[in-house]
């Protein structure tokens, strides 16, 4: 895994001249983690999207370095993983086919069948790998999103509402993913759940004056 640093400097986001959040600043490097908390509508998911390069900040900067070199937003997909309620899966493909496609997109070498098996076993979906995703329960789809997110061993893992739709076994699986990421990379969790926030070594609260 590459060594990444993330620097968020005075970031603000507005929609239709309405301020969502402003002056958000923090810096994280390998082995560090951050919980983003705040009331509903305070912009937690929006900030996650800005960090992931899915939205542009209205003001401020988000900068990444990998092994000391600046990283372009276009190359972020090789270094970050994202789990979020707004991510869509390919319902007409099986679980393993979804991961094979993603693996090919991220690598010039094609899919890595050994790694795909490894992550499907880790999230508890190996026995259902050949079933179409449209037959999966909401909890199984959430598990598959984790397989997507960690398939390439990301330097930065972003979790938005991390235990949504999961039972206790699923929550235990997420805790294991979190523990591994805390050892090897950067973790950011957007949540209002105190137990989830406790996974992180630091926190910020959006919506404060």
N, C-alpha and C. Protein backbone atom coordinates (compact mmCIF):
# COMPACT_ATOMS: atom_id res chain seq x y z
N UNK A 1 0.84 -1.20 0.00
CA UNK A 1 0.00 0.00 0.00
C UNK A 1 0.87 1.24 0.00
N UNK A 2 0.52 2.24 -0.79
CA UNK A 2 1.25 3.49 -0.84
C UNK A 2 0.95 4.35 0.38
N UNK A 3 1.91 5.24 0.73
CA UNK A 3 1.72 6.15 1.84
C UNK A 3 1.08 7.44 1.34
N UNK A 4 -0.11 7.77 1.85
CA UNK A 4 -0.85 8.94 1.39
C UNK A 4 -0.96 9.97 2.50
N UNK A 5 -1.01 11.24 2.11
CA UNK A 5 -1.41 12.32 3.00
C UNK A 5 -2.58 13.05 2.36
N UNK A 6 -3.51 13.50 3.19
CA UNK A 6 -4.68 14.25 2.74
C UNK A 6 -4.72 15.57 3.50
N UNK A 7 -4.81 16.67 2.77
CA UNK A 7 -4.88 17.99 3.40
C UNK A 7 -6.12 18.73 2.90
N UNK A 8 -7.03 19.04 3.80
CA UNK A 8 -8.23 19.80 3.50
C UNK A 8 -8.05 21.19 4.12
N UNK A 9 -8.07 22.22 3.29
CA UNK A 9 -7.75 23.56 3.77
C UNK A 9 -8.88 24.55 3.48
N UNK A 10 -9.57 24.96 4.55
CA UNK A 10 -10.62 25.99 4.50
C UNK A 10 -11.65 25.70 3.40
N UNK A 11 -12.11 24.47 3.36
CA UNK A 11 -13.06 24.05 2.33
C UNK A 11 -14.47 24.49 2.68
N UNK A 12 -15.16 25.02 1.69
CA UNK A 12 -16.56 25.42 1.83
C UNK A 12 -17.35 24.88 0.65
N UNK A 13 -18.64 24.63 0.88
CA UNK A 13 -19.52 24.18 -0.20
C UNK A 13 -20.84 24.92 -0.11
N UNK A 14 -21.28 25.43 -1.26
CA UNK A 14 -22.56 26.11 -1.36
C UNK A 14 -23.38 25.51 -2.48
N UNK A 15 -24.70 25.46 -2.29
CA UNK A 15 -25.64 25.07 -3.33
C UNK A 15 -26.67 26.19 -3.46
N UNK A 16 -26.79 26.74 -4.67
CA UNK A 16 -27.76 27.81 -4.89
C UNK A 16 -27.62 28.93 -3.87
N UNK A 17 -26.35 29.32 -3.63
CA UNK A 17 -25.99 30.40 -2.71
C UNK A 17 -26.29 30.07 -1.25
N UNK A 18 -26.66 28.84 -0.95
CA UNK A 18 -26.86 28.44 0.45
C UNK A 18 -25.63 27.71 0.94
N UNK A 19 -25.08 28.13 2.05
CA UNK A 19 -23.88 27.53 2.60
C UNK A 19 -24.20 26.19 3.26
N UNK A 20 -23.51 25.15 2.83
CA UNK A 20 -23.67 23.82 3.44
C UNK A 20 -22.70 23.68 4.61
N UNK A 21 -21.44 24.00 4.37
CA UNK A 21 -20.43 24.09 5.43
C UNK A 21 -19.35 25.05 4.94
N UNK A 22 -18.52 25.50 5.86
CA UNK A 22 -17.47 26.44 5.48
C UNK A 22 -16.25 26.26 6.38
N UNK A 23 -15.11 26.64 5.84
CA UNK A 23 -13.85 26.67 6.59
C UNK A 23 -13.53 25.35 7.29
N UNK A 24 -13.69 24.25 6.56
CA UNK A 24 -13.32 22.94 7.09
C UNK A 24 -11.86 22.68 6.76
N UNK A 25 -11.07 22.43 7.79
CA UNK A 25 -9.64 22.18 7.59
C UNK A 25 -9.19 21.01 8.46
N UNK A 26 -8.39 20.13 7.91
CA UNK A 26 -7.73 19.06 8.66
C UNK A 26 -6.69 18.41 7.77
N UNK A 27 -5.79 17.68 8.38
CA UNK A 27 -4.77 16.95 7.65
C UNK A 27 -4.62 15.57 8.25
N UNK A 28 -4.53 14.56 7.38
CA UNK A 28 -4.41 13.17 7.83
C UNK A 28 -3.31 12.48 7.05
N UNK A 29 -2.63 11.57 7.72
CA UNK A 29 -1.64 10.74 7.04
C UNK A 29 -1.82 9.30 7.48
N UNK A 30 -1.00 8.41 6.96
CA UNK A 30 -1.14 6.98 7.20
C UNK A 30 -1.24 6.66 8.68
N UNK A 31 -2.25 5.84 9.04
CA UNK A 31 -2.46 5.45 10.42
C UNK A 31 -3.36 6.38 11.21
N UNK A 32 -3.87 7.44 10.54
CA UNK A 32 -4.75 8.39 11.23
C UNK A 32 -6.18 8.27 10.73
N UNK A 33 -7.13 8.67 11.56
CA UNK A 33 -8.54 8.52 11.21
C UNK A 33 -9.34 9.70 11.74
N UNK A 34 -10.47 9.95 11.07
CA UNK A 34 -11.30 11.11 11.40
C UNK A 34 -12.77 10.74 11.29
N UNK A 35 -13.55 11.11 12.30
CA UNK A 35 -15.01 10.99 12.25
C UNK A 35 -15.59 12.36 11.92
N UNK A 36 -16.46 12.39 10.92
CA UNK A 36 -17.18 13.61 10.55
C UNK A 36 -18.60 13.47 11.11
N UNK A 37 -18.96 14.31 12.06
CA UNK A 37 -20.28 14.23 12.69
C UNK A 37 -21.04 15.52 12.42
N UNK A 38 -22.29 15.57 12.89
CA UNK A 38 -23.12 16.75 12.68
C UNK A 38 -24.56 16.34 12.45
N UNK A 39 -25.46 17.27 12.69
CA UNK A 39 -26.88 16.99 12.52
C UNK A 39 -27.21 16.64 11.07
N UNK A 40 -28.39 16.09 10.84
CA UNK A 40 -28.84 15.81 9.48
C UNK A 40 -28.89 17.11 8.68
N UNK A 41 -28.35 17.08 7.47
CA UNK A 41 -28.32 18.26 6.64
C UNK A 41 -27.11 19.16 6.84
N UNK A 42 -26.20 18.75 7.72
CA UNK A 42 -25.03 19.59 8.00
C UNK A 42 -23.95 19.45 6.94
N UNK A 43 -24.09 18.46 6.05
CA UNK A 43 -23.14 18.35 4.94
C UNK A 43 -22.14 17.23 5.05
N UNK A 44 -22.38 16.25 5.90
CA UNK A 44 -21.42 15.15 6.06
C UNK A 44 -21.20 14.41 4.75
N UNK A 45 -22.29 13.99 4.11
CA UNK A 45 -22.16 13.26 2.84
C UNK A 45 -21.56 14.14 1.75
N UNK A 46 -21.92 15.42 1.76
CA UNK A 46 -21.37 16.35 0.77
C UNK A 46 -19.86 16.48 0.93
N UNK A 47 -19.39 16.59 2.17
CA UNK A 47 -17.95 16.68 2.42
C UNK A 47 -17.25 15.41 1.98
N UNK A 48 -17.84 14.26 2.23
CA UNK A 48 -17.26 12.99 1.76
C UNK A 48 -17.11 13.02 0.24
N UNK A 49 -18.12 13.50 -0.46
CA UNK A 49 -18.07 13.58 -1.92
C UNK A 49 -16.97 14.53 -2.39
N UNK A 50 -16.79 15.64 -1.69
CA UNK A 50 -15.73 16.58 -2.04
C UNK A 50 -14.37 15.92 -1.85
N UNK A 51 -14.18 15.23 -0.74
CA UNK A 51 -12.90 14.57 -0.48
C UNK A 51 -12.63 13.49 -1.52
N UNK A 52 -13.69 12.81 -1.95
CA UNK A 52 -13.54 11.72 -2.93
C UNK A 52 -13.39 12.23 -4.36
N UNK A 53 -13.50 13.54 -4.56
CA UNK A 53 -13.38 14.09 -5.91
C UNK A 53 -14.64 13.99 -6.73
N UNK A 54 -15.78 13.66 -6.09
CA UNK A 54 -17.05 13.55 -6.80
C UNK A 54 -17.74 14.90 -6.94
N UNK A 55 -17.41 15.82 -6.04
CA UNK A 55 -17.91 17.20 -6.09
C UNK A 55 -16.73 18.15 -5.94
N UNK A 56 -16.86 19.33 -6.50
CA UNK A 56 -15.83 20.35 -6.32
C UNK A 56 -16.21 21.25 -5.15
N UNK A 57 -15.21 21.68 -4.40
CA UNK A 57 -15.44 22.64 -3.33
C UNK A 57 -15.75 24.01 -3.93
N UNK A 58 -16.62 24.76 -3.27
CA UNK A 58 -16.88 26.14 -3.69
C UNK A 58 -15.67 27.02 -3.41
N UNK A 59 -15.07 26.79 -2.26
CA UNK A 59 -13.83 27.48 -1.88
C UNK A 59 -12.94 26.51 -1.14
N UNK A 60 -11.65 26.84 -1.07
CA UNK A 60 -10.71 26.00 -0.36
C UNK A 60 -10.13 24.92 -1.25
N UNK A 61 -9.25 24.13 -0.69
CA UNK A 61 -8.54 23.10 -1.46
C UNK A 61 -8.53 21.76 -0.75
N UNK A 62 -8.52 20.70 -1.55
CA UNK A 62 -8.31 19.34 -1.07
C UNK A 62 -7.10 18.81 -1.84
N UNK A 63 -6.04 18.46 -1.13
CA UNK A 63 -4.80 18.02 -1.77
C UNK A 63 -4.39 16.66 -1.25
N UNK A 64 -3.85 15.86 -2.15
CA UNK A 64 -3.41 14.51 -1.82
C UNK A 64 -1.96 14.34 -2.28
N UNK A 65 -1.18 13.62 -1.48
CA UNK A 65 0.13 13.18 -1.94
C UNK A 65 0.24 11.68 -1.71
N UNK A 66 0.94 11.01 -2.58
CA UNK A 66 1.20 9.58 -2.45
C UNK A 66 2.70 9.39 -2.57
N UNK A 67 3.28 8.83 -1.52
CA UNK A 67 4.74 8.65 -1.45
C UNK A 67 5.46 9.97 -1.72
N UNK A 68 4.88 11.06 -1.22
CA UNK A 68 5.50 12.36 -1.34
C UNK A 68 5.22 13.10 -2.63
N UNK A 69 4.51 12.49 -3.56
CA UNK A 69 4.20 13.13 -4.84
C UNK A 69 2.73 13.56 -4.90
N UNK A 70 2.49 14.74 -5.46
CA UNK A 70 1.11 15.23 -5.59
C UNK A 70 0.29 14.29 -6.46
N UNK A 71 -0.97 14.11 -6.08
CA UNK A 71 -1.86 13.19 -6.80
C UNK A 71 -2.98 13.98 -7.46
N UNK A 72 -3.19 13.73 -8.75
CA UNK A 72 -4.29 14.36 -9.47
C UNK A 72 -5.61 13.70 -9.09
N UNK A 73 -6.70 14.48 -9.13
CA UNK A 73 -8.02 13.95 -8.82
C UNK A 73 -8.37 12.80 -9.77
N UNK A 74 -7.93 12.88 -11.02
CA UNK A 74 -8.22 11.84 -12.01
C UNK A 74 -7.65 10.48 -11.61
N UNK A 75 -6.61 10.47 -10.79
CA UNK A 75 -5.97 9.22 -10.39
C UNK A 75 -6.42 8.74 -9.01
N UNK A 76 -7.35 9.46 -8.41
CA UNK A 76 -7.79 9.10 -7.06
C UNK A 76 -8.37 7.70 -6.98
N UNK A 77 -9.04 7.25 -8.03
CA UNK A 77 -9.73 5.96 -7.99
C UNK A 77 -8.78 4.80 -7.71
N UNK A 78 -7.50 5.00 -7.98
CA UNK A 78 -6.52 3.95 -7.71
C UNK A 78 -6.11 3.90 -6.24
N UNK A 79 -6.48 4.92 -5.47
CA UNK A 79 -5.96 5.04 -4.11
C UNK A 79 -7.03 5.16 -3.04
N UNK A 80 -8.31 5.34 -3.42
CA UNK A 80 -9.34 5.49 -2.40
C UNK A 80 -10.43 4.44 -2.57
N UNK A 81 -11.09 4.16 -1.45
CA UNK A 81 -12.27 3.31 -1.45
C UNK A 81 -13.40 4.06 -0.79
N UNK A 82 -14.63 3.86 -1.27
CA UNK A 82 -15.79 4.59 -0.77
C UNK A 82 -16.96 3.65 -0.57
N UNK A 83 -17.57 3.74 0.60
CA UNK A 83 -18.81 3.03 0.89
C UNK A 83 -19.85 4.08 1.26
N UNK A 84 -20.98 4.08 0.53
CA UNK A 84 -21.99 5.12 0.73
C UNK A 84 -23.35 4.65 0.25
N UNK A 85 -24.43 5.15 0.85
CA UNK A 85 -25.77 4.77 0.41
C UNK A 85 -26.07 5.15 -1.04
N UNK A 86 -25.41 6.19 -1.57
CA UNK A 86 -25.72 6.65 -2.92
C UNK A 86 -24.94 5.93 -4.02
N UNK A 87 -24.07 5.00 -3.66
CA UNK A 87 -23.35 4.22 -4.67
C UNK A 87 -24.27 3.16 -5.26
N UNK A 88 -24.16 2.96 -6.57
CA UNK A 88 -25.00 1.99 -7.26
C UNK A 88 -24.18 0.78 -7.71
N UNK A 89 -24.80 -0.39 -7.60
CA UNK A 89 -24.18 -1.63 -8.06
C UNK A 89 -24.84 -2.07 -9.37
N UNK A 90 -24.20 -3.00 -10.06
CA UNK A 90 -24.76 -3.51 -11.31
C UNK A 90 -25.66 -4.70 -10.99
N UNK A 91 -26.97 -4.44 -10.92
CA UNK A 91 -27.92 -5.48 -10.51
C UNK A 91 -27.98 -6.66 -11.47
N UNK A 92 -27.68 -6.41 -12.76
CA UNK A 92 -27.79 -7.48 -13.75
C UNK A 92 -26.56 -8.38 -13.79
N UNK A 93 -25.54 -8.08 -12.97
CA UNK A 93 -24.35 -8.92 -12.86
C UNK A 93 -24.35 -9.64 -11.53
N UNK A 94 -23.58 -10.70 -11.43
CA UNK A 94 -23.41 -11.39 -10.16
C UNK A 94 -22.45 -10.59 -9.27
N UNK A 95 -22.35 -11.00 -8.02
CA UNK A 95 -21.42 -10.33 -7.12
C UNK A 95 -19.99 -10.41 -7.62
N UNK A 96 -19.57 -11.59 -8.03
CA UNK A 96 -18.19 -11.75 -8.52
C UNK A 96 -17.98 -11.00 -9.83
N UNK A 97 -18.98 -10.96 -10.69
CA UNK A 97 -18.85 -10.23 -11.96
C UNK A 97 -18.70 -8.73 -11.72
N UNK A 98 -19.41 -8.21 -10.71
CA UNK A 98 -19.24 -6.81 -10.34
C UNK A 98 -17.79 -6.52 -9.97
N UNK A 99 -17.21 -7.39 -9.18
CA UNK A 99 -15.83 -7.17 -8.73
C UNK A 99 -14.83 -7.40 -9.86
N UNK A 100 -15.11 -8.35 -10.72
CA UNK A 100 -14.22 -8.58 -11.87
C UNK A 100 -14.17 -7.34 -12.77
N UNK A 101 -15.34 -6.73 -13.00
CA UNK A 101 -15.39 -5.53 -13.83
C UNK A 101 -14.61 -4.40 -13.18
N UNK A 102 -14.81 -4.20 -11.89
CA UNK A 102 -14.10 -3.14 -11.19
C UNK A 102 -12.60 -3.37 -11.21
N UNK A 103 -12.19 -4.62 -11.01
CA UNK A 103 -10.78 -4.95 -11.02
C UNK A 103 -10.14 -4.63 -12.37
N UNK A 104 -10.86 -4.91 -13.44
CA UNK A 104 -10.34 -4.61 -14.79
C UNK A 104 -10.24 -3.11 -15.03
N UNK A 105 -11.20 -2.35 -14.50
CA UNK A 105 -11.18 -0.90 -14.66
C UNK A 105 -9.96 -0.31 -13.96
N UNK A 106 -9.63 -0.85 -12.79
CA UNK A 106 -8.55 -0.28 -11.99
C UNK A 106 -7.17 -0.80 -12.39
N UNK A 107 -7.10 -1.83 -13.20
CA UNK A 107 -5.80 -2.41 -13.50
C UNK A 107 -5.68 -2.76 -14.98
N UNK A 108 -4.49 -2.52 -15.52
CA UNK A 108 -4.22 -2.90 -16.90
C UNK A 108 -4.00 -4.42 -17.03
N UNK A 109 -3.91 -5.08 -15.89
CA UNK A 109 -3.59 -6.51 -15.89
C UNK A 109 -4.82 -7.39 -15.84
N UNK A 110 -6.01 -6.77 -15.82
CA UNK A 110 -7.24 -7.56 -15.76
C UNK A 110 -7.63 -7.86 -14.32
N UNK A 111 -8.57 -8.79 -14.14
CA UNK A 111 -9.09 -9.07 -12.81
C UNK A 111 -8.15 -10.00 -12.04
N UNK A 112 -8.21 -9.91 -10.73
CA UNK A 112 -7.40 -10.72 -9.83
C UNK A 112 -8.34 -11.67 -9.09
N UNK A 113 -8.48 -12.89 -9.59
CA UNK A 113 -9.47 -13.82 -9.05
C UNK A 113 -9.17 -14.19 -7.60
N UNK A 114 -7.89 -14.28 -7.25
CA UNK A 114 -7.53 -14.62 -5.87
C UNK A 114 -7.97 -13.53 -4.90
N UNK A 115 -7.72 -12.28 -5.27
CA UNK A 115 -8.10 -11.17 -4.42
C UNK A 115 -9.62 -11.05 -4.34
N UNK A 116 -10.32 -11.30 -5.45
CA UNK A 116 -11.79 -11.24 -5.45
C UNK A 116 -12.35 -12.27 -4.49
N UNK A 117 -11.82 -13.48 -4.52
CA UNK A 117 -12.28 -14.50 -3.57
C UNK A 117 -12.00 -14.08 -2.14
N UNK A 118 -10.85 -13.50 -1.92
CA UNK A 118 -10.45 -13.07 -0.58
C UNK A 118 -11.42 -12.05 -0.01
N UNK A 119 -11.79 -11.05 -0.80
CA UNK A 119 -12.67 -10.00 -0.26
C UNK A 119 -14.11 -10.50 -0.14
N UNK A 120 -14.56 -11.35 -1.06
CA UNK A 120 -15.91 -11.90 -0.95
C UNK A 120 -16.05 -12.77 0.29
N UNK A 121 -15.01 -13.51 0.61
CA UNK A 121 -15.03 -14.30 1.84
C UNK A 121 -15.02 -13.38 3.06
N UNK A 122 -14.25 -12.31 2.99
CA UNK A 122 -14.14 -11.39 4.12
C UNK A 122 -15.47 -10.70 4.44
N UNK A 123 -16.27 -10.41 3.40
CA UNK A 123 -17.55 -9.73 3.64
C UNK A 123 -18.72 -10.71 3.73
N UNK A 124 -18.43 -12.01 3.66
CA UNK A 124 -19.47 -13.02 3.85
C UNK A 124 -20.35 -13.29 2.66
N UNK A 125 -19.83 -13.07 1.44
CA UNK A 125 -20.64 -13.26 0.23
C UNK A 125 -20.10 -14.33 -0.71
N UNK A 126 -19.09 -15.06 -0.30
CA UNK A 126 -18.49 -16.03 -1.21
C UNK A 126 -19.50 -17.07 -1.69
N UNK A 127 -20.36 -17.52 -0.80
CA UNK A 127 -21.34 -18.55 -1.16
C UNK A 127 -22.41 -18.00 -2.11
N UNK A 128 -22.56 -16.69 -2.18
CA UNK A 128 -23.56 -16.07 -3.06
C UNK A 128 -22.89 -15.34 -4.24
N UNK A 129 -21.65 -15.65 -4.49
CA UNK A 129 -20.87 -14.91 -5.51
C UNK A 129 -21.46 -15.00 -6.90
N UNK A 130 -22.15 -16.11 -7.22
CA UNK A 130 -22.67 -16.31 -8.58
C UNK A 130 -24.11 -15.83 -8.75
N UNK A 131 -24.71 -15.34 -7.68
CA UNK A 131 -26.09 -14.86 -7.75
C UNK A 131 -26.12 -13.42 -8.27
N UNK A 132 -27.18 -13.12 -9.04
CA UNK A 132 -27.33 -11.75 -9.51
C UNK A 132 -27.52 -10.81 -8.32
N UNK A 133 -26.94 -9.62 -8.41
CA UNK A 133 -27.03 -8.65 -7.32
C UNK A 133 -28.47 -8.22 -7.09
N UNK A 134 -29.31 -8.29 -8.12
CA UNK A 134 -30.72 -7.91 -7.94
C UNK A 134 -31.43 -8.83 -6.95
N UNK A 135 -30.88 -10.02 -6.69
CA UNK A 135 -31.48 -10.94 -5.73
C UNK A 135 -30.94 -10.74 -4.32
N UNK A 136 -29.98 -9.85 -4.16
CA UNK A 136 -29.37 -9.61 -2.85
C UNK A 136 -30.30 -8.77 -1.97
N UNK A 137 -30.25 -9.01 -0.68
CA UNK A 137 -30.94 -8.15 0.27
C UNK A 137 -30.17 -6.83 0.39
N UNK A 138 -30.78 -5.84 1.05
CA UNK A 138 -30.10 -4.56 1.23
C UNK A 138 -28.80 -4.72 2.03
N UNK A 139 -28.82 -5.62 3.01
CA UNK A 139 -27.61 -5.87 3.78
C UNK A 139 -26.51 -6.52 2.95
N UNK A 140 -26.88 -7.44 2.07
CA UNK A 140 -25.90 -8.08 1.20
C UNK A 140 -25.30 -7.07 0.22
N UNK A 141 -26.14 -6.15 -0.27
CA UNK A 141 -25.62 -5.11 -1.16
C UNK A 141 -24.63 -4.21 -0.42
N UNK A 142 -24.91 -3.92 0.84
CA UNK A 142 -23.98 -3.12 1.63
C UNK A 142 -22.66 -3.86 1.81
N UNK A 143 -22.73 -5.16 2.03
CA UNK A 143 -21.50 -5.96 2.14
C UNK A 143 -20.70 -5.92 0.84
N UNK A 144 -21.40 -5.99 -0.30
CA UNK A 144 -20.72 -5.95 -1.58
C UNK A 144 -20.04 -4.60 -1.80
N UNK A 145 -20.65 -3.53 -1.30
CA UNK A 145 -20.01 -2.23 -1.40
C UNK A 145 -18.67 -2.23 -0.66
N UNK A 146 -18.60 -2.92 0.46
CA UNK A 146 -17.33 -3.03 1.17
C UNK A 146 -16.30 -3.82 0.35
N UNK A 147 -16.77 -4.86 -0.32
CA UNK A 147 -15.86 -5.60 -1.19
C UNK A 147 -15.31 -4.69 -2.29
N UNK A 148 -16.18 -3.87 -2.87
CA UNK A 148 -15.76 -2.88 -3.86
C UNK A 148 -14.69 -1.97 -3.28
N UNK A 149 -14.96 -1.46 -2.08
CA UNK A 149 -14.12 -0.42 -1.50
C UNK A 149 -12.72 -0.90 -1.14
N UNK A 150 -12.60 -2.15 -0.70
CA UNK A 150 -11.29 -2.62 -0.21
C UNK A 150 -10.58 -3.52 -1.20
N UNK A 151 -11.19 -3.78 -2.36
CA UNK A 151 -10.62 -4.71 -3.33
C UNK A 151 -9.17 -4.37 -3.68
N UNK A 152 -8.88 -3.09 -3.84
CA UNK A 152 -7.55 -2.65 -4.27
C UNK A 152 -6.67 -2.17 -3.11
N UNK A 153 -7.07 -2.49 -1.88
CA UNK A 153 -6.33 -2.10 -0.68
C UNK A 153 -6.06 -0.59 -0.67
N UNK A 154 -7.11 0.21 -0.54
CA UNK A 154 -6.98 1.66 -0.70
C UNK A 154 -6.14 2.31 0.39
N UNK A 155 -5.44 3.38 0.01
CA UNK A 155 -4.70 4.17 0.99
C UNK A 155 -5.66 5.00 1.84
N UNK A 156 -6.78 5.43 1.24
CA UNK A 156 -7.80 6.24 1.93
C UNK A 156 -9.15 5.54 1.79
N UNK A 157 -9.78 5.25 2.92
CA UNK A 157 -11.10 4.61 2.93
C UNK A 157 -12.10 5.59 3.52
N UNK A 158 -13.16 5.89 2.73
CA UNK A 158 -14.22 6.81 3.13
C UNK A 158 -15.50 6.02 3.39
N UNK A 159 -16.06 6.15 4.57
CA UNK A 159 -17.28 5.43 4.94
C UNK A 159 -18.37 6.42 5.31
N UNK A 160 -19.46 6.41 4.56
CA UNK A 160 -20.61 7.28 4.82
C UNK A 160 -21.77 6.39 5.28
N UNK A 161 -22.23 6.60 6.52
CA UNK A 161 -23.24 5.73 7.13
C UNK A 161 -22.79 4.27 7.02
N UNK A 162 -21.70 3.92 7.67
CA UNK A 162 -21.01 2.65 7.41
C UNK A 162 -21.77 1.38 7.74
N UNK A 163 -22.69 1.41 8.71
CA UNK A 163 -23.39 0.18 9.07
C UNK A 163 -24.84 0.17 8.60
N UNK A 164 -25.17 1.04 7.65
CA UNK A 164 -26.53 1.09 7.12
C UNK A 164 -26.96 -0.27 6.58
N UNK A 165 -28.14 -0.75 7.00
CA UNK A 165 -28.75 -2.00 6.52
C UNK A 165 -28.05 -3.27 6.99
N UNK A 166 -27.10 -3.16 7.90
CA UNK A 166 -26.34 -4.34 8.32
C UNK A 166 -26.84 -4.89 9.66
N UNK A 167 -26.82 -6.24 9.77
CA UNK A 167 -27.13 -6.87 11.04
C UNK A 167 -25.85 -6.91 11.89
N UNK A 168 -25.94 -7.56 13.06
CA UNK A 168 -24.79 -7.54 13.97
C UNK A 168 -23.56 -8.19 13.36
N UNK A 169 -23.74 -9.27 12.61
CA UNK A 169 -22.59 -9.90 11.94
C UNK A 169 -21.97 -8.95 10.93
N UNK A 170 -22.83 -8.21 10.23
CA UNK A 170 -22.32 -7.24 9.26
C UNK A 170 -21.56 -6.11 9.94
N UNK A 171 -22.06 -5.67 11.09
CA UNK A 171 -21.37 -4.61 11.83
C UNK A 171 -20.00 -5.09 12.31
N UNK A 172 -19.94 -6.35 12.72
CA UNK A 172 -18.65 -6.93 13.12
C UNK A 172 -17.68 -6.96 11.94
N UNK A 173 -18.19 -7.30 10.75
CA UNK A 173 -17.37 -7.28 9.55
C UNK A 173 -16.81 -5.88 9.29
N UNK A 174 -17.66 -4.86 9.43
CA UNK A 174 -17.21 -3.48 9.21
C UNK A 174 -16.13 -3.11 10.23
N UNK A 175 -16.32 -3.50 11.47
CA UNK A 175 -15.32 -3.20 12.50
C UNK A 175 -13.97 -3.82 12.15
N UNK A 176 -13.98 -5.00 11.55
CA UNK A 176 -12.74 -5.64 11.13
C UNK A 176 -12.08 -4.87 9.99
N UNK A 177 -12.90 -4.41 9.03
CA UNK A 177 -12.38 -3.60 7.93
C UNK A 177 -11.77 -2.31 8.47
N UNK A 178 -12.46 -1.69 9.41
CA UNK A 178 -11.99 -0.45 10.02
C UNK A 178 -10.66 -0.65 10.74
N UNK A 179 -10.56 -1.74 11.49
CA UNK A 179 -9.33 -2.02 12.23
C UNK A 179 -8.15 -2.19 11.29
N UNK A 180 -8.36 -2.88 10.18
CA UNK A 180 -7.30 -3.07 9.20
C UNK A 180 -6.90 -1.75 8.56
N UNK A 181 -7.89 -0.92 8.21
CA UNK A 181 -7.59 0.37 7.60
C UNK A 181 -6.85 1.28 8.57
N UNK A 182 -7.21 1.24 9.83
CA UNK A 182 -6.53 2.06 10.84
C UNK A 182 -5.07 1.66 11.00
N UNK A 183 -4.76 0.42 10.72
CA UNK A 183 -3.36 -0.04 10.79
C UNK A 183 -2.57 0.38 9.56
N UNK A 184 -3.24 0.42 8.40
CA UNK A 184 -2.47 0.50 7.15
C UNK A 184 -2.67 1.77 6.33
N UNK A 185 -3.72 2.55 6.61
CA UNK A 185 -3.99 3.71 5.76
C UNK A 185 -4.70 4.82 6.50
N UNK A 186 -5.48 5.60 5.76
CA UNK A 186 -6.27 6.70 6.32
C UNK A 186 -7.74 6.29 6.30
N UNK A 187 -8.46 6.60 7.37
CA UNK A 187 -9.88 6.28 7.48
C UNK A 187 -10.66 7.55 7.79
N UNK A 188 -11.76 7.78 7.06
CA UNK A 188 -12.70 8.86 7.36
C UNK A 188 -14.10 8.27 7.42
N UNK A 189 -14.81 8.55 8.51
CA UNK A 189 -16.16 8.01 8.72
C UNK A 189 -17.13 9.17 8.93
N UNK A 190 -18.19 9.24 8.12
CA UNK A 190 -19.25 10.22 8.30
C UNK A 190 -20.41 9.54 9.02
N UNK A 191 -20.74 10.01 10.22
CA UNK A 191 -21.71 9.29 11.02
C UNK A 191 -22.29 10.17 12.12
N UNK A 192 -23.46 9.79 12.62
CA UNK A 192 -24.01 10.37 13.85
C UNK A 192 -24.08 9.32 14.95
N UNK A 193 -23.51 8.16 14.70
CA UNK A 193 -23.51 7.07 15.66
C UNK A 193 -22.24 7.14 16.52
N UNK A 194 -22.42 7.20 17.83
CA UNK A 194 -21.26 7.36 18.72
C UNK A 194 -20.31 6.18 18.64
N UNK A 195 -20.83 4.96 18.48
CA UNK A 195 -19.97 3.79 18.38
C UNK A 195 -19.11 3.84 17.12
N UNK A 196 -19.71 4.29 16.00
CA UNK A 196 -18.96 4.40 14.76
C UNK A 196 -17.92 5.51 14.85
N UNK A 197 -18.27 6.61 15.46
CA UNK A 197 -17.32 7.72 15.62
C UNK A 197 -16.13 7.29 16.48
N UNK A 198 -16.38 6.37 17.41
CA UNK A 198 -15.31 5.91 18.30
C UNK A 198 -14.25 5.09 17.57
N UNK A 199 -14.54 4.65 16.35
CA UNK A 199 -13.53 3.94 15.57
C UNK A 199 -12.37 4.85 15.20
N UNK A 200 -12.60 6.16 15.26
CA UNK A 200 -11.62 7.13 14.75
C UNK A 200 -10.87 7.82 15.91
N UNK A 201 -9.66 8.23 15.62
CA UNK A 201 -8.80 8.85 16.63
C UNK A 201 -9.07 10.34 16.79
N UNK A 202 -9.79 10.96 15.85
CA UNK A 202 -10.11 12.39 15.94
C UNK A 202 -11.48 12.62 15.32
N UNK A 203 -12.04 13.82 15.51
CA UNK A 203 -13.37 14.09 14.96
C UNK A 203 -13.54 15.58 14.71
N UNK A 204 -14.45 15.90 13.78
CA UNK A 204 -14.91 17.26 13.56
C UNK A 204 -16.43 17.22 13.50
N UNK A 205 -17.06 18.29 13.91
CA UNK A 205 -18.52 18.38 13.85
C UNK A 205 -18.92 19.50 12.92
N UNK A 206 -19.68 19.18 11.90
CA UNK A 206 -20.17 20.19 10.96
C UNK A 206 -21.41 20.87 11.54
N UNK A 207 -21.66 22.09 11.05
CA UNK A 207 -22.84 22.81 11.48
C UNK A 207 -22.63 23.68 12.69
N UNK A 208 -21.39 23.70 13.23
CA UNK A 208 -21.11 24.57 14.35
C UNK A 208 -20.80 25.98 13.87
N UNK A 209 -21.06 27.01 14.68
CA UNK A 209 -20.76 28.38 14.29
C UNK A 209 -19.27 28.56 14.00
